[in-house]
């Protein structure tokens, strides 16, 4: 059973990634900001998977 807090963090990151991807798809003047935010969110998710998460559980 994964840590409930870790699952909530992944859910939050998933929502923020979806929002940033939608904003990048619009290609408005704020797109560079959202591209940077998207990179940071993906970096955070990768770091969590490598350093914090349980190794035998897949997050979606």
PDB file of N, CA and C in Angstrom:
ATOM      1  N   UNK A   1       0.849  -1.176   0.000  1.00  0.00           N
ATOM      2  CA  UNK A   1       0.000   0.000   0.000  1.00  0.00           C
ATOM      3  C   UNK A   1       0.897   1.241   0.000  1.00  0.00           C
ATOM      4  N   UNK A   2       0.689   2.134  -0.965  1.00  0.00           N
ATOM      5  CA  UNK A   2       1.524   3.325  -1.033  1.00  0.00           C
ATOM      6  C   UNK A   2       1.159   4.316   0.068  1.00  0.00           C
ATOM      7  N   UNK A   3       2.077   5.181   0.327  1.00  0.00           N
ATOM      8  CA  UNK A   3       1.848   6.237   1.288  1.00  0.00           C
ATOM      9  C   UNK A   3       0.750   7.160   0.742  1.00  0.00           C
ATOM     10  N   UNK A   4      -0.295   7.401   1.518  1.00  0.00           N
ATOM     11  CA  UNK A   4      -1.434   8.214   1.068  1.00  0.00           C
ATOM     12  C   UNK A   4      -0.992   9.628   0.676  1.00  0.00           C
ATOM     13  N   UNK A   5      -0.061  10.190   1.415  1.00  0.00           N
ATOM     14  CA  UNK A   5       0.423  11.525   1.103  1.00  0.00           C
ATOM     15  C   UNK A   5       1.122  11.540  -0.253  1.00  0.00           C
ATOM     16  N   UNK A   6       1.894  10.505  -0.540  1.00  0.00           N
ATOM     17  CA  UNK A   6       2.587  10.408  -1.825  1.00  0.00           C
ATOM     18  C   UNK A   6       1.587  10.322  -2.976  1.00  0.00           C
ATOM     19  N   UNK A   7       0.512   9.595  -2.786  1.00  0.00           N
ATOM     20  CA  UNK A   7      -0.523   9.495  -3.817  1.00  0.00           C
ATOM     21  C   UNK A   7      -1.154  10.863  -4.056  1.00  0.00           C
ATOM     22  N   UNK A   8      -1.417  11.611  -2.985  1.00  0.00           N
ATOM     23  CA  UNK A   8      -1.992  12.949  -3.131  1.00  0.00           C
ATOM     24  C   UNK A   8      -1.041  13.882  -3.869  1.00  0.00           C
ATOM     25  N   UNK A   9       0.240  13.759  -3.597  1.00  0.00           N
ATOM     26  CA  UNK A   9       1.226  14.583  -4.306  1.00  0.00           C
ATOM     27  C   UNK A   9       1.195  14.259  -5.790  1.00  0.00           C
ATOM     28  N   UNK A  10       1.168  12.983  -6.136  1.00  0.00           N
ATOM     29  CA  UNK A  10       1.126  12.596  -7.550  1.00  0.00           C
ATOM     30  C   UNK A  10      -0.172  13.061  -8.213  1.00  0.00           C
ATOM     31  N   UNK A  11      -1.275  13.008  -7.506  1.00  0.00           N
ATOM     32  CA  UNK A  11      -2.537  13.511  -8.056  1.00  0.00           C
ATOM     33  C   UNK A  11      -2.445  15.012  -8.323  1.00  0.00           C
ATOM     34  N   UNK A  12      -1.867  15.743  -7.385  1.00  0.00           N
ATOM     35  CA  UNK A  12      -1.696  17.180  -7.555  1.00  0.00           C
ATOM     36  C   UNK A  12      -0.804  17.476  -8.762  1.00  0.00           C
ATOM     37  N   UNK A  13       0.322  16.763  -8.865  1.00  0.00           N
ATOM     38  CA  UNK A  13       1.221  16.971  -9.991  1.00  0.00           C
ATOM     39  C   UNK A  13       0.534  16.639 -11.315  1.00  0.00           C
ATOM     40  N   UNK A  14      -0.266  15.586 -11.329  1.00  0.00           N
ATOM     41  CA  UNK A  14      -0.991  15.223 -12.549  1.00  0.00           C
ATOM     42  C   UNK A  14      -1.943  16.336 -12.980  1.00  0.00           C
ATOM     43  N   UNK A  15      -2.657  16.931 -12.028  1.00  0.00           N
ATOM     44  CA  UNK A  15      -3.563  18.039 -12.349  1.00  0.00           C
ATOM     45  C   UNK A  15      -2.797  19.239 -12.886  1.00  0.00           C
ATOM     46  N   UNK A  16      -1.696  19.584 -12.235  1.00  0.00           N
ATOM     47  CA  UNK A  16      -0.908  20.736 -12.671  1.00  0.00           C
ATOM     48  C   UNK A  16      -0.275  20.494 -14.039  1.00  0.00           C
ATOM     49  N   UNK A  17       0.173  19.259 -14.299  1.00  0.00           N
ATOM     50  CA  UNK A  17       0.741  18.930 -15.605  1.00  0.00           C
ATOM     51  C   UNK A  17      -0.322  19.063 -16.685  1.00  0.00           C
ATOM     52  N   UNK A  18      -1.526  18.569 -16.416  1.00  0.00           N
ATOM     53  CA  UNK A  18      -2.620  18.675 -17.399  1.00  0.00           C
ATOM     54  C   UNK A  18      -2.945  20.148 -17.679  1.00  0.00           C
ATOM     55  N   UNK A  19      -2.983  20.975 -16.640  1.00  0.00           N
ATOM     56  CA  UNK A  19      -3.256  22.404 -16.822  1.00  0.00           C
ATOM     57  C   UNK A  19      -2.163  23.071 -17.659  1.00  0.00           C
ATOM     58  N   UNK A  20      -0.912  22.754 -17.369  1.00  0.00           N
ATOM     59  CA  UNK A  20       0.198  23.358 -18.104  1.00  0.00           C
ATOM     60  C   UNK A  20       0.212  22.884 -19.555  1.00  0.00           C
ATOM     61  N   UNK A  21      -0.083  21.601 -19.790  1.00  0.00           N
ATOM     62  CA  UNK A  21      -0.126  21.097 -21.166  1.00  0.00           C
ATOM     63  C   UNK A  21      -1.227  21.779 -21.962  1.00  0.00           C
ATOM     64  N   UNK A  22      -2.367  22.022 -21.329  1.00  0.00           N
ATOM     65  CA  UNK A  22      -3.467  22.708 -21.999  1.00  0.00           C
ATOM     66  C   UNK A  22      -3.060  24.142 -22.337  1.00  0.00           C
ATOM     67  N   UNK A  23      -2.388  24.809 -21.408  1.00  0.00           N
ATOM     68  CA  UNK A  23      -1.957  26.189 -21.636  1.00  0.00           C
ATOM     69  C   UNK A  23      -0.901  26.267 -22.733  1.00  0.00           C
ATOM     70  N   UNK A  24       0.011  25.309 -22.781  1.00  0.00           N
ATOM     71  CA  UNK A  24       1.036  25.296 -23.821  1.00  0.00           C
ATOM     72  C   UNK A  24       0.388  25.079 -25.188  1.00  0.00           C
ATOM     73  N   UNK A  25      -0.645  24.257 -25.240  1.00  0.00           N
ATOM     74  CA  UNK A  25      -1.327  23.984 -26.500  1.00  0.00           C
ATOM     75  C   UNK A  25      -2.007  25.230 -27.056  1.00  0.00           C
ATOM     76  N   UNK A  26      -2.382  26.177 -26.202  1.00  0.00           N
ATOM     77  CA  UNK A  26      -3.041  27.405 -26.659  1.00  0.00           C
ATOM     78  C   UNK A  26      -2.083  28.338 -27.390  1.00  0.00           C
ATOM     79  N   UNK A  27      -0.787  28.218 -27.120  1.00  0.00           N
ATOM     80  CA  UNK A  27       0.236  29.051 -27.767  1.00  0.00           C
ATOM     81  C   UNK A  27      -0.072  30.544 -27.662  1.00  0.00           C
ATOM     82  N   UNK A  28      -0.274  31.011 -26.452  1.00  0.00           N
ATOM     83  CA  UNK A  28      -0.455  32.448 -26.256  1.00  0.00           C
ATOM     84  C   UNK A  28       0.839  33.054 -25.707  1.00  0.00           C
ATOM     85  N   UNK A  29       0.779  34.298 -25.257  1.00  0.00           N
ATOM     86  CA  UNK A  29       1.995  34.969 -24.775  1.00  0.00           C
ATOM     87  C   UNK A  29       2.539  34.367 -23.493  1.00  0.00           C
ATOM     88  N   UNK A  30       1.735  33.560 -22.798  1.00  0.00           N
ATOM     89  CA  UNK A  30       2.180  32.933 -21.550  1.00  0.00           C
ATOM     90  C   UNK A  30       2.749  31.531 -21.764  1.00  0.00           C
ATOM     91  N   UNK A  31       2.791  31.049 -22.992  1.00  0.00           N
ATOM     92  CA  UNK A  31       3.271  29.697 -23.271  1.00  0.00           C
ATOM     93  C   UNK A  31       4.682  29.419 -22.751  1.00  0.00           C
ATOM     94  N   UNK A  32       5.633  30.360 -22.899  1.00  0.00           N
ATOM     95  CA  UNK A  32       6.974  30.071 -22.363  1.00  0.00           C
ATOM     96  C   UNK A  32       6.962  29.807 -20.860  1.00  0.00           C
ATOM     97  N   UNK A  33       6.134  30.549 -20.123  1.00  0.00           N
ATOM     98  CA  UNK A  33       6.020  30.311 -18.688  1.00  0.00           C
ATOM     99  C   UNK A  33       5.536  28.895 -18.421  1.00  0.00           C
ATOM    100  N   UNK A  34       4.494  28.473 -19.132  1.00  0.00           N
ATOM    101  CA  UNK A  34       3.920  27.149 -18.905  1.00  0.00           C
ATOM    102  C   UNK A  34       4.845  26.030 -19.375  1.00  0.00           C
ATOM    103  N   UNK A  35       5.641  26.281 -20.415  1.00  0.00           N
ATOM    104  CA  UNK A  35       6.632  25.279 -20.833  1.00  0.00           C
ATOM    105  C   UNK A  35       7.653  25.057 -19.725  1.00  0.00           C
ATOM    106  N   UNK A  36       8.103  26.143 -19.111  1.00  0.00           N
ATOM    107  CA  UNK A  36       9.041  26.036 -17.989  1.00  0.00           C
ATOM    108  C   UNK A  36       8.415  25.341 -16.803  1.00  0.00           C
ATOM    109  N   UNK A  37       7.157  25.676 -16.526  1.00  0.00           N
ATOM    110  CA  UNK A  37       6.452  25.039 -15.424  1.00  0.00           C
ATOM    111  C   UNK A  37       6.306  23.542 -15.683  1.00  0.00           C
ATOM    112  N   UNK A  38       6.026  23.187 -16.924  1.00  0.00           N
ATOM    113  CA  UNK A  38       5.874  21.780 -17.291  1.00  0.00           C
ATOM    114  C   UNK A  38       7.176  21.016 -17.074  1.00  0.00           C
ATOM    115  N   UNK A  39       8.297  21.620 -17.450  1.00  0.00           N
ATOM    116  CA  UNK A  39       9.598  20.984 -17.214  1.00  0.00           C
ATOM    117  C   UNK A  39       9.832  20.762 -15.718  1.00  0.00           C
ATOM    118  N   UNK A  40       9.523  21.768 -14.916  1.00  0.00           N
ATOM    119  CA  UNK A  40       9.720  21.644 -13.468  1.00  0.00           C
ATOM    120  C   UNK A  40       8.820  20.563 -12.866  1.00  0.00           C
ATOM    121  N   UNK A  41       7.579  20.495 -13.313  1.00  0.00           N
ATOM    122  CA  UNK A  41       6.652  19.479 -12.797  1.00  0.00           C
ATOM    123  C   UNK A  41       7.127  18.071 -13.154  1.00  0.00           C
ATOM    124  N   UNK A  42       7.601  17.894 -14.386  1.00  0.00           N
ATOM    125  CA  UNK A  42       8.115  16.579 -14.780  1.00  0.00           C
ATOM    126  C   UNK A  42       9.373  16.232 -13.982  1.00  0.00           C
ATOM    127  N   UNK A  43      10.211  17.242 -13.722  1.00  0.00           N
ATOM    128  CA  UNK A  43      11.402  16.995 -12.912  1.00  0.00           C
ATOM    129  C   UNK A  43      11.009  16.571 -11.503  1.00  0.00           C
ATOM    130  N   UNK A  44      10.004  17.265 -10.906  1.00  0.00           N
ATOM    131  CA  UNK A  44       9.563  16.907  -9.556  1.00  0.00           C
ATOM    132  C   UNK A  44       9.030  15.486  -9.505  1.00  0.00           C
ATOM    133  N   UNK A  45       8.230  15.105 -10.496  1.00  0.00           N
ATOM    134  CA  UNK A  45       7.675  13.757 -10.524  1.00  0.00           C
ATOM    135  C   UNK A  45       8.793  12.722 -10.640  1.00  0.00           C
ATOM    136  N   UNK A  46       9.767  12.965 -11.500  1.00  0.00           N
ATOM    137  CA  UNK A  46      10.885  12.026 -11.657  1.00  0.00           C
ATOM    138  C   UNK A  46      11.682  11.912 -10.358  1.00  0.00           C
ATOM    139  N   UNK A  47      11.924  13.041  -9.694  1.00  0.00           N
ATOM    140  CA  UNK A  47      12.674  13.020  -8.443  1.00  0.00           C
ATOM    141  C   UNK A  47      11.928  12.228  -7.381  1.00  0.00           C
ATOM    142  N   UNK A  48      10.615  12.448  -7.275  1.00  0.00           N
ATOM    143  CA  UNK A  48       9.817  11.707  -6.297  1.00  0.00           C
ATOM    144  C   UNK A  48       9.868  10.205  -6.568  1.00  0.00           C
ATOM    145  N   UNK A  49       9.720   9.837  -7.832  1.00  0.00           N
ATOM    146  CA  UNK A  49       9.742   8.411  -8.178  1.00  0.00           C
ATOM    147  C   UNK A  49      11.072   7.780  -7.801  1.00  0.00           C
ATOM    148  N   UNK A  50      12.150   8.526  -8.006  1.00  0.00           N
ATOM    149  CA  UNK A  50      13.483   7.981  -7.751  1.00  0.00           C
ATOM    150  C   UNK A  50      13.852   7.957  -6.267  1.00  0.00           C
ATOM    151  N   UNK A  51      13.461   8.985  -5.521  1.00  0.00           N
ATOM    152  CA  UNK A  51      13.960   9.140  -4.160  1.00  0.00           C
ATOM    153  C   UNK A  51      12.969   8.869  -3.039  1.00  0.00           C
ATOM    154  N   UNK A  52      11.678   8.963  -3.299  1.00  0.00           N
ATOM    155  CA  UNK A  52      10.708   8.903  -2.215  1.00  0.00           C
ATOM    156  C   UNK A  52       9.747   7.732  -2.357  1.00  0.00           C
ATOM    157  N   UNK A  53       9.262   7.489  -3.552  1.00  0.00           N
ATOM    158  CA  UNK A  53       8.183   6.531  -3.760  1.00  0.00           C
ATOM    159  C   UNK A  53       8.585   5.089  -3.496  1.00  0.00           C
ATOM    160  N   UNK A  54       7.567   4.297  -3.250  1.00  0.00           N
ATOM    161  CA  UNK A  54       7.778   2.862  -3.129  1.00  0.00           C
ATOM    162  C   UNK A  54       8.168   2.303  -4.488  1.00  0.00           C
ATOM    163  N   UNK A  55       9.127   1.431  -4.520  1.00  0.00           N
ATOM    164  CA  UNK A  55       9.667   0.942  -5.791  1.00  0.00           C
ATOM    165  C   UNK A  55       8.716  -0.021  -6.512  1.00  0.00           C
ATOM    166  N   UNK A  56       7.785  -0.618  -5.809  1.00  0.00           N
ATOM    167  CA  UNK A  56       6.921  -1.621  -6.451  1.00  0.00           C
ATOM    168  C   UNK A  56       5.500  -1.105  -6.710  1.00  0.00           C
ATOM    169  N   UNK A  57       5.317   0.223  -6.735  1.00  0.00           N
ATOM    170  CA  UNK A  57       3.991   0.772  -6.966  1.00  0.00           C
ATOM    171  C   UNK A  57       4.057   1.758  -8.124  1.00  0.00           C
ATOM    172  N   UNK A  58       3.108   1.644  -9.062  1.00  0.00           N
ATOM    173  CA  UNK A  58       3.055   2.530 -10.199  1.00  0.00           C
ATOM    174  C   UNK A  58       2.009   3.604  -9.975  1.00  0.00           C
ATOM    175  N   UNK A  59       2.408   4.867 -10.157  1.00  0.00           N
ATOM    176  CA  UNK A  59       1.481   5.991 -10.027  1.00  0.00           C
ATOM    177  C   UNK A  59       0.988   6.393 -11.405  1.00  0.00           C
ATOM    178  N   UNK A  60      -0.254   6.792 -11.486  1.00  0.00           N
ATOM    179  CA  UNK A  60      -0.829   7.196 -12.773  1.00  0.00           C
ATOM    180  C   UNK A  60      -1.259   8.622 -12.738  1.00  0.00           C
TER     181      UNK A  60
END
